[in-house]
Amino acid sequence: MNPDPRISSLPTTLHLLPLESLLLLPETAIPVTITDFAARSIVEAALAAGGYIGVIQEISADSPAGSGGRFYSVGCLGHIVDLGRDGEGQRILLEGLIRFRVRTELPRERDSLPRAAVVYDEFLQDLAGVGEEPTGWDLELFKEKIVEFGRQQFGTAGILESMSSRQVVLFMAQTAPFTPAEKQALLESGSLRDLVDTLARLLSLNYLTTTPDTSPPTAVN
């Protein structure tokens, strides 16, 4: 079977960049400063190979999850924009394109950099663009709840107040300090609706006193 033309030009072998504090999702971009020598070597190798990189999470030693290797089985394909160096390290922008599944982690070559053979077929919906908001959810109300929480806890919700409701969902999923397993659950959400549902439950468990009610009001005849 021929691959879908939307993914036929994407690399099937990727250098893998593990990130701990941030989650790369399709439709998003995150600035990263690379200070670690090993991570810098991975980024430089990926830039030399065309600028694509597999952003992924490492599995902790006591976690049963993943593909049987060092990394979780699902990551996000990133395109690297090199922003140069400053006093802290190499600055890059990672643009999230589409999720991938690790088919197999490849043997280390002489450079010892982690690589994997990957497939994209099950995540073609990531390339469909923004699309419509999920039915049955009031994302604007979700945003209001998050902004209200920020104001109560920190006096301001910062940049969240100027974001669209969809951007707030993606931003919170990317930056909230969840555990690796919780972030992986967000990454593997089957749809925006699933992402909102998982995010709401995680925020409720970790930060909020109740799960934000994002459902529309019940019609009364």
C-alpha atoms as a PDB file:
ATOM      1  CA  MET A   1       0.000   0.000   0.000  1.00  0.00           C
ATOM      2  CA  ASN A   2       1.362   3.412  -0.945  1.00  0.00           C
ATOM      3  CA  PRO A   3       1.698   5.904   1.909  1.00  0.00           C
ATOM      4  CA  ASP A   4      -0.719   8.804   2.140  1.00  0.00           C
ATOM      5  CA  PRO A   5       0.740  11.682   0.059  1.00  0.00           C
ATOM      6  CA  ARG A   6       0.492  13.972   3.073  1.00  0.00           C
ATOM      7  CA  ILE A   7       3.128  11.910   4.906  1.00  0.00           C
ATOM      8  CA  SER A   8       5.096  10.474   1.984  1.00  0.00           C
ATOM      9  CA  SER A   9       7.666  13.276   2.233  1.00  0.00           C
ATOM     10  CA  LEU A  10       8.126  13.007   6.000  1.00  0.00           C
ATOM     11  CA  PRO A  11      11.207  11.232   7.357  1.00  0.00           C
ATOM     12  CA  THR A  12      10.713   7.654   8.521  1.00  0.00           C
ATOM     13  CA  THR A  13      13.870   7.739  10.638  1.00  0.00           C
ATOM     14  CA  LEU A  14      14.277  10.453  13.266  1.00  0.00           C
ATOM     15  CA  HIS A  15      16.797  11.613  15.806  1.00  0.00           C
ATOM     16  CA  LEU A  16      14.997  11.632  19.149  1.00  0.00           C
ATOM     17  CA  LEU A  17      15.082  14.633  21.477  1.00  0.00           C
ATOM     18  CA  PRO A  18      13.707  13.914  24.952  1.00  0.00           C
ATOM     19  CA  LEU A  19      12.030  16.914  26.621  1.00  0.00           C
ATOM     20  CA  GLU A  20      11.030  16.880  30.277  1.00  0.00           C
ATOM     21  CA  SER A  21       9.335  20.165  31.121  1.00  0.00           C
ATOM     22  CA  LEU A  22       7.457  20.938  27.883  1.00  0.00           C
ATOM     23  CA  LEU A  23       5.118  18.957  25.652  1.00  0.00           C
ATOM     24  CA  LEU A  24       5.233  19.522  21.890  1.00  0.00           C
ATOM     25  CA  LEU A  25       1.851  19.141  20.197  1.00  0.00           C
ATOM     26  CA  PRO A  26       0.767  19.512  16.562  1.00  0.00           C
ATOM     27  CA  GLU A  27      -0.334  23.089  15.684  1.00  0.00           C
ATOM     28  CA  THR A  28       2.008  24.529  18.328  1.00  0.00           C
ATOM     29  CA  ALA A  29       5.515  25.942  18.568  1.00  0.00           C
ATOM     30  CA  ILE A  30       7.746  26.175  21.628  1.00  0.00           C
ATOM     31  CA  PRO A  31      11.035  28.040  22.120  1.00  0.00           C
ATOM     32  CA  VAL A  32      13.773  25.944  23.694  1.00  0.00           C
ATOM     33  CA  THR A  33      17.274  26.843  24.833  1.00  0.00           C
ATOM     34  CA  ILE A  34      19.635  23.881  24.473  1.00  0.00           C
ATOM     35  CA  THR A  35      22.370  23.880  27.108  1.00  0.00           C
ATOM     36  CA  ASP A  36      23.116  20.162  27.446  1.00  0.00           C
ATOM     37  CA  PHE A  37      25.913  18.829  25.224  1.00  0.00           C
ATOM     38  CA  ALA A  38      24.054  15.616  24.326  1.00  0.00           C
ATOM     39  CA  ALA A  39      20.875  17.503  23.398  1.00  0.00           C
ATOM     40  CA  ARG A  40      22.902  19.977  21.333  1.00  0.00           C
ATOM     41  CA  SER A  41      24.484  17.083  19.432  1.00  0.00           C
ATOM     42  CA  ILE A  42      21.017  15.648  18.705  1.00  0.00           C
ATOM     43  CA  VAL A  43      19.744  19.009  17.438  1.00  0.00           C
ATOM     44  CA  GLU A  44      22.808  19.584  15.262  1.00  0.00           C
ATOM     45  CA  ALA A  45      22.482  16.107  13.732  1.00  0.00           C
ATOM     46  CA  ALA A  46      18.777  16.689  13.062  1.00  0.00           C
ATOM     47  CA  LEU A  47      19.488  20.064  11.435  1.00  0.00           C
ATOM     48  CA  ALA A  48      22.092  18.439   9.202  1.00  0.00           C
ATOM     49  CA  ALA A  49      19.542  15.766   8.206  1.00  0.00           C
ATOM     50  CA  GLY A  50      16.881  18.240   7.083  1.00  0.00           C
ATOM     51  CA  GLY A  51      15.663  19.939  10.250  1.00  0.00           C
ATOM     52  CA  TYR A  52      13.134  17.339  11.428  1.00  0.00           C
ATOM     53  CA  ILE A  53      13.352  15.859  14.917  1.00  0.00           C
ATOM     54  CA  GLY A  54      11.329  13.480  17.032  1.00  0.00           C
ATOM     55  CA  VAL A  55      10.344  15.146  20.303  1.00  0.00           C
ATOM     56  CA  ILE A  56       9.557  12.433  22.799  1.00  0.00           C
ATOM     57  CA  GLN A  57       9.488  11.592  26.499  1.00  0.00           C
ATOM     58  CA  GLU A  58      11.790   9.149  28.237  1.00  0.00           C
ATOM     59  CA  ILE A  59      10.245   6.378  30.291  1.00  0.00           C
ATOM     60  CA  SER A  60      11.192   6.309  33.953  1.00  0.00           C
ATOM     61  CA  ALA A  61      12.806   3.122  35.231  1.00  0.00           C
ATOM     62  CA  ASP A  62       9.720   2.120  37.254  1.00  0.00           C
ATOM     63  CA  SER A  63       7.160   2.801  34.495  1.00  0.00           C
ATOM     64  CA  PRO A  64       5.580  -0.151  32.641  1.00  0.00           C
ATOM     65  CA  ALA A  65       4.464   2.068  29.728  1.00  0.00           C
ATOM     66  CA  GLY A  66       5.940   2.572  26.307  1.00  0.00           C
ATOM     67  CA  SER A  67       7.192   0.437  23.457  1.00  0.00           C
ATOM     68  CA  GLY A  68       9.583  -1.717  25.426  1.00  0.00           C
ATOM     69  CA  GLY A  69      12.475   0.675  24.870  1.00  0.00           C
ATOM     70  CA  ARG A  70      13.888   3.772  26.451  1.00  0.00           C
ATOM     71  CA  PHE A  71      11.158   6.089  25.181  1.00  0.00           C
ATOM     72  CA  TYR A  72       7.379   6.246  25.122  1.00  0.00           C
ATOM     73  CA  SER A  73       5.894   4.830  21.950  1.00  0.00           C
ATOM     74  CA  VAL A  74       4.308   8.104  20.727  1.00  0.00           C
ATOM     75  CA  GLY A  75       6.044  11.433  20.137  1.00  0.00           C
ATOM     76  CA  CYS A  76       5.620  14.535  17.982  1.00  0.00           C
ATOM     77  CA  LEU A  77       7.507  15.374  14.808  1.00  0.00           C
ATOM     78  CA  GLY A  78       9.087  18.787  15.160  1.00  0.00           C
ATOM     79  CA  HIS A  79      10.620  21.119  12.612  1.00  0.00           C
ATOM     80  CA  ILE A  80      13.603  23.009  14.001  1.00  0.00           C
ATOM     81  CA  VAL A  81      14.052  26.723  13.415  1.00  0.00           C
ATOM     82  CA  ASP A  82      17.593  27.681  14.475  1.00  0.00           C
ATOM     83  CA  LEU A  83      17.534  31.025  16.299  1.00  0.00           C
ATOM     84  CA  GLY A  84      21.281  31.157  16.983  1.00  0.00           C
ATOM     85  CA  ARG A  85      23.221  31.172  20.223  1.00  0.00           C
ATOM     86  CA  ASP A  86      23.270  33.432  23.233  1.00  0.00           C
ATOM     87  CA  GLY A  87      24.978  33.347  26.604  1.00  0.00           C
ATOM     88  CA  GLU A  88      22.776  30.505  27.816  1.00  0.00           C
ATOM     89  CA  GLY A  89      23.036  28.131  24.868  1.00  0.00           C
ATOM     90  CA  GLN A  90      21.605  27.290  21.461  1.00  0.00           C
ATOM     91  CA  ARG A  91      18.151  28.789  20.904  1.00  0.00           C
ATOM     92  CA  ILE A  92      15.681  26.951  18.710  1.00  0.00           C
ATOM     93  CA  LEU A  93      11.992  27.027  17.927  1.00  0.00           C
ATOM     94  CA  LEU A  94      10.263  23.655  17.680  1.00  0.00           C
ATOM     95  CA  GLU A  95       7.228  23.603  15.386  1.00  0.00           C
ATOM     96  CA  GLY A  96       4.894  20.672  16.058  1.00  0.00           C
ATOM     97  CA  LEU A  97       3.693  19.002  12.852  1.00  0.00           C
ATOM     98  CA  ILE A  98       2.256  15.523  13.414  1.00  0.00           C
ATOM     99  CA  ARG A  99       2.472  12.791  16.004  1.00  0.00           C
ATOM    100  CA  PHE A 100       4.344   9.587  15.252  1.00  0.00           C
ATOM    101  CA  ARG A 101       4.558   6.092  16.673  1.00  0.00           C
ATOM    102  CA  VAL A 102       7.934   4.491  17.278  1.00  0.00           C
ATOM    103  CA  ARG A 103       8.187   1.349  15.172  1.00  0.00           C
ATOM    104  CA  THR A 104      11.573   0.433  16.579  1.00  0.00           C
ATOM    105  CA  GLU A 105      14.401   2.173  18.404  1.00  0.00           C
ATOM    106  CA  LEU A 106      17.508   1.865  16.253  1.00  0.00           C
ATOM    107  CA  PRO A 107      20.942   0.684  17.411  1.00  0.00           C
ATOM    108  CA  ARG A 108      23.221   3.520  18.407  1.00  0.00           C
ATOM    109  CA  GLU A 109      25.845   4.476  15.840  1.00  0.00           C
ATOM    110  CA  ARG A 110      29.304   5.773  16.666  1.00  0.00           C
ATOM    111  CA  ASP A 111      27.848   9.158  17.637  1.00  0.00           C
ATOM    112  CA  SER A 112      25.645   7.395  20.262  1.00  0.00           C
ATOM    113  CA  LEU A 113      22.651   9.579  19.347  1.00  0.00           C
ATOM    114  CA  PRO A 114      19.167   8.088  19.874  1.00  0.00           C
ATOM    115  CA  ARG A 115      17.224   7.388  16.681  1.00  0.00           C
ATOM    116  CA  ALA A 116      14.078   5.502  15.795  1.00  0.00           C
ATOM    117  CA  ALA A 117      12.118   4.256  12.814  1.00  0.00           C
ATOM    118  CA  VAL A 118       8.673   5.862  13.000  1.00  0.00           C
ATOM    119  CA  VAL A 119       5.249   5.753  11.325  1.00  0.00           C
ATOM    120  CA  TYR A 120       2.574   8.460  11.077  1.00  0.00           C
ATOM    121  CA  ASP A 121      -0.451   6.730   9.561  1.00  0.00           C
ATOM    122  CA  GLU A 122      -2.707   6.704  12.625  1.00  0.00           C
ATOM    123  CA  PHE A 123      -2.251  10.455  13.191  1.00  0.00           C
ATOM    124  CA  LEU A 124      -3.224  11.844   9.778  1.00  0.00           C
ATOM    125  CA  GLN A 125      -5.884  14.006  11.459  1.00  0.00           C
ATOM    126  CA  ASP A 126      -3.038  16.137  12.840  1.00  0.00           C
ATOM    127  CA  LEU A 127      -2.496  17.494   9.314  1.00  0.00           C
ATOM    128  CA  ALA A 128      -6.117  18.518   8.802  1.00  0.00           C
ATOM    129  CA  GLY A 129      -5.586  22.019  10.181  1.00  0.00           C
ATOM    130  CA  VAL A 130      -7.444  23.815  12.932  1.00  0.00           C
ATOM    131  CA  GLY A 131     -10.904  22.653  11.908  1.00  0.00           C
ATOM    132  CA  GLU A 132     -14.068  23.241  13.895  1.00  0.00           C
ATOM    133  CA  GLU A 133     -14.382  23.376  17.660  1.00  0.00           C
ATOM    134  CA  PRO A 134     -15.504  20.061  19.189  1.00  0.00           C
ATOM    135  CA  THR A 135     -19.265  19.766  19.537  1.00  0.00           C
ATOM    136  CA  GLY A 136     -20.662  19.523  23.037  1.00  0.00           C
ATOM    137  CA  TRP A 137     -17.944  21.664  24.595  1.00  0.00           C
ATOM    138  CA  ASP A 138     -17.824  25.322  25.515  1.00  0.00           C
ATOM    139  CA  LEU A 139     -14.132  26.113  25.161  1.00  0.00           C
ATOM    140  CA  GLU A 140     -14.713  29.769  25.954  1.00  0.00           C
ATOM    141  CA  LEU A 141     -16.115  28.780  29.348  1.00  0.00           C
ATOM    142  CA  PHE A 142     -13.130  26.493  29.858  1.00  0.00           C
ATOM    143  CA  LYS A 143     -10.833  29.438  29.172  1.00  0.00           C
ATOM    144  CA  GLU A 144     -12.778  31.605  31.640  1.00  0.00           C
ATOM    145  CA  LYS A 145     -12.316  28.980  34.369  1.00  0.00           C
ATOM    146  CA  ILE A 146      -8.561  28.787  33.730  1.00  0.00           C
ATOM    147  CA  VAL A 147      -8.189  32.576  33.635  1.00  0.00           C
ATOM    148  CA  GLU A 148     -10.189  32.892  36.853  1.00  0.00           C
ATOM    149  CA  PHE A 149      -7.947  30.318  38.537  1.00  0.00           C
ATOM    150  CA  GLY A 150      -4.836  32.227  37.429  1.00  0.00           C
ATOM    151  CA  ARG A 151      -6.174  35.476  38.797  1.00  0.00           C
ATOM    152  CA  GLN A 152      -7.069  33.882  42.130  1.00  0.00           C
ATOM    153  CA  GLN A 153      -3.731  32.135  42.561  1.00  0.00           C
ATOM    154  CA  PHE A 154      -1.299  34.619  41.032  1.00  0.00           C
ATOM    155  CA  GLY A 155      -3.172  37.895  40.715  1.00  0.00           C
ATOM    156  CA  THR A 156      -3.153  37.657  36.916  1.00  0.00           C
ATOM    157  CA  ALA A 157      -3.608  35.068  34.196  1.00  0.00           C
ATOM    158  CA  GLY A 158      -0.872  36.685  32.101  1.00  0.00           C
ATOM    159  CA  ILE A 159      -0.849  35.892  28.395  1.00  0.00           C
ATOM    160  CA  LEU A 160      -3.752  33.467  28.787  1.00  0.00           C
ATOM    161  CA  GLU A 161      -6.162  36.401  28.830  1.00  0.00           C
ATOM    162  CA  SER A 162      -5.209  37.412  25.276  1.00  0.00           C
ATOM    163  CA  MET A 163      -5.282  33.879  23.841  1.00  0.00           C
ATOM    164  CA  SER A 164      -8.162  32.213  22.044  1.00  0.00           C
ATOM    165  CA  SER A 165      -9.909  29.413  23.913  1.00  0.00           C
ATOM    166  CA  ARG A 166      -8.248  26.819  21.661  1.00  0.00           C
ATOM    167  CA  GLN A 167      -4.825  28.348  22.292  1.00  0.00           C
ATOM    168  CA  VAL A 168      -5.444  28.205  26.054  1.00  0.00           C
ATOM    169  CA  VAL A 169      -6.185  24.485  25.830  1.00  0.00           C
ATOM    170  CA  LEU A 170      -2.990  23.797  23.882  1.00  0.00           C
ATOM    171  CA  PHE A 171      -0.878  26.106  26.055  1.00  0.00           C
ATOM    172  CA  MET A 172      -2.047  24.487  29.305  1.00  0.00           C
ATOM    173  CA  ALA A 173      -1.491  21.011  27.882  1.00  0.00           C
ATOM    174  CA  GLN A 174       2.046  21.981  26.868  1.00  0.00           C
ATOM    175  CA  THR A 175       3.227  23.841  29.943  1.00  0.00           C
ATOM    176  CA  ALA A 176       1.344  22.617  33.036  1.00  0.00           C
ATOM    177  CA  PRO A 177       3.750  20.663  35.297  1.00  0.00           C
ATOM    178  CA  PHE A 178       2.115  17.268  34.955  1.00  0.00           C
ATOM    179  CA  THR A 179       3.902  13.955  35.391  1.00  0.00           C
ATOM    180  CA  PRO A 180       5.387  12.285  32.291  1.00  0.00           C
ATOM    181  CA  ALA A 181       2.552   9.742  32.248  1.00  0.00           C
ATOM    182  CA  GLU A 182      -0.048  12.523  32.452  1.00  0.00           C
ATOM    183  CA  LYS A 183       1.631  14.493  29.655  1.00  0.00           C
ATOM    184  CA  GLN A 184       1.760  11.349  27.561  1.00  0.00           C
ATOM    185  CA  ALA A 185      -1.981  10.881  28.036  1.00  0.00           C
ATOM    186  CA  LEU A 186      -2.502  14.398  26.690  1.00  0.00           C
ATOM    187  CA  LEU A 187      -0.227  13.760  23.705  1.00  0.00           C
ATOM    188  CA  GLU A 188      -2.061  10.557  22.803  1.00  0.00           C
ATOM    189  CA  SER A 189      -5.550  12.113  22.956  1.00  0.00           C
ATOM    190  CA  GLY A 190      -7.574  10.967  19.964  1.00  0.00           C
ATOM    191  CA  SER A 191      -9.180  14.360  19.288  1.00  0.00           C
ATOM    192  CA  LEU A 192      -9.405  17.909  20.595  1.00  0.00           C
ATOM    193  CA  ARG A 193     -12.467  16.860  22.558  1.00  0.00           C
ATOM    194  CA  ASP A 194     -10.468  14.052  24.205  1.00  0.00           C
ATOM    195  CA  LEU A 195      -7.639  16.496  24.898  1.00  0.00           C
ATOM    196  CA  VAL A 196      -9.977  18.959  26.621  1.00  0.00           C
ATOM    197  CA  ASP A 197     -11.552  16.175  28.673  1.00  0.00           C
ATOM    198  CA  THR A 198      -8.175  14.781  29.782  1.00  0.00           C
ATOM    199  CA  LEU A 199      -6.793  18.247  30.505  1.00  0.00           C
ATOM    200  CA  ALA A 200      -9.829  19.177  32.587  1.00  0.00           C
ATOM    201  CA  ARG A 201      -9.521  16.004  34.660  1.00  0.00           C
ATOM    202  CA  LEU A 202      -5.787  16.477  35.217  1.00  0.00           C
ATOM    203  CA  LEU A 203      -6.220  20.111  36.227  1.00  0.00           C
ATOM    204  CA  SER A 204      -8.955  19.064  38.633  1.00  0.00           C
ATOM    205  CA  LEU A 205      -6.771  16.361  40.175  1.00  0.00           C
ATOM    206  CA  ASN A 206      -3.688  18.565  40.477  1.00  0.00           C
ATOM    207  CA  TYR A 207      -4.824  22.164  40.864  1.00  0.00           C
ATOM    208  CA  LEU A 208      -8.530  22.914  40.686  1.00  0.00           C
ATOM    209  CA  THR A 209     -11.073  21.979  43.322  1.00  0.00           C
ATOM    210  CA  THR A 210     -13.592  20.833  40.704  1.00  0.00           C
ATOM    211  CA  THR A 211     -13.429  19.781  37.087  1.00  0.00           C
ATOM    212  CA  PRO A 212     -14.362  22.747  34.867  1.00  0.00           C
ATOM    213  CA  ASP A 213     -17.846  22.215  33.445  1.00  0.00           C
ATOM    214  CA  THR A 214     -17.382  22.918  29.749  1.00  0.00           C
ATOM    215  CA  SER A 215     -20.639  21.398  28.569  1.00  0.00           C
ATOM    216  CA  PRO A 216     -23.302  23.685  27.090  1.00  0.00           C
ATOM    217  CA  PRO A 217     -26.328  24.543  29.240  1.00  0.00           C
ATOM    218  CA  THR A 218     -29.145  22.022  29.136  1.00  0.00           C
ATOM    219  CA  ALA A 219     -32.048  23.150  26.954  1.00  0.00           C
ATOM    220  CA  VAL A 220     -35.297  23.688  28.836  1.00  0.00           C
ATOM    221  CA  ASN A 221     -38.561  23.610  26.955  1.00  0.00           C
END
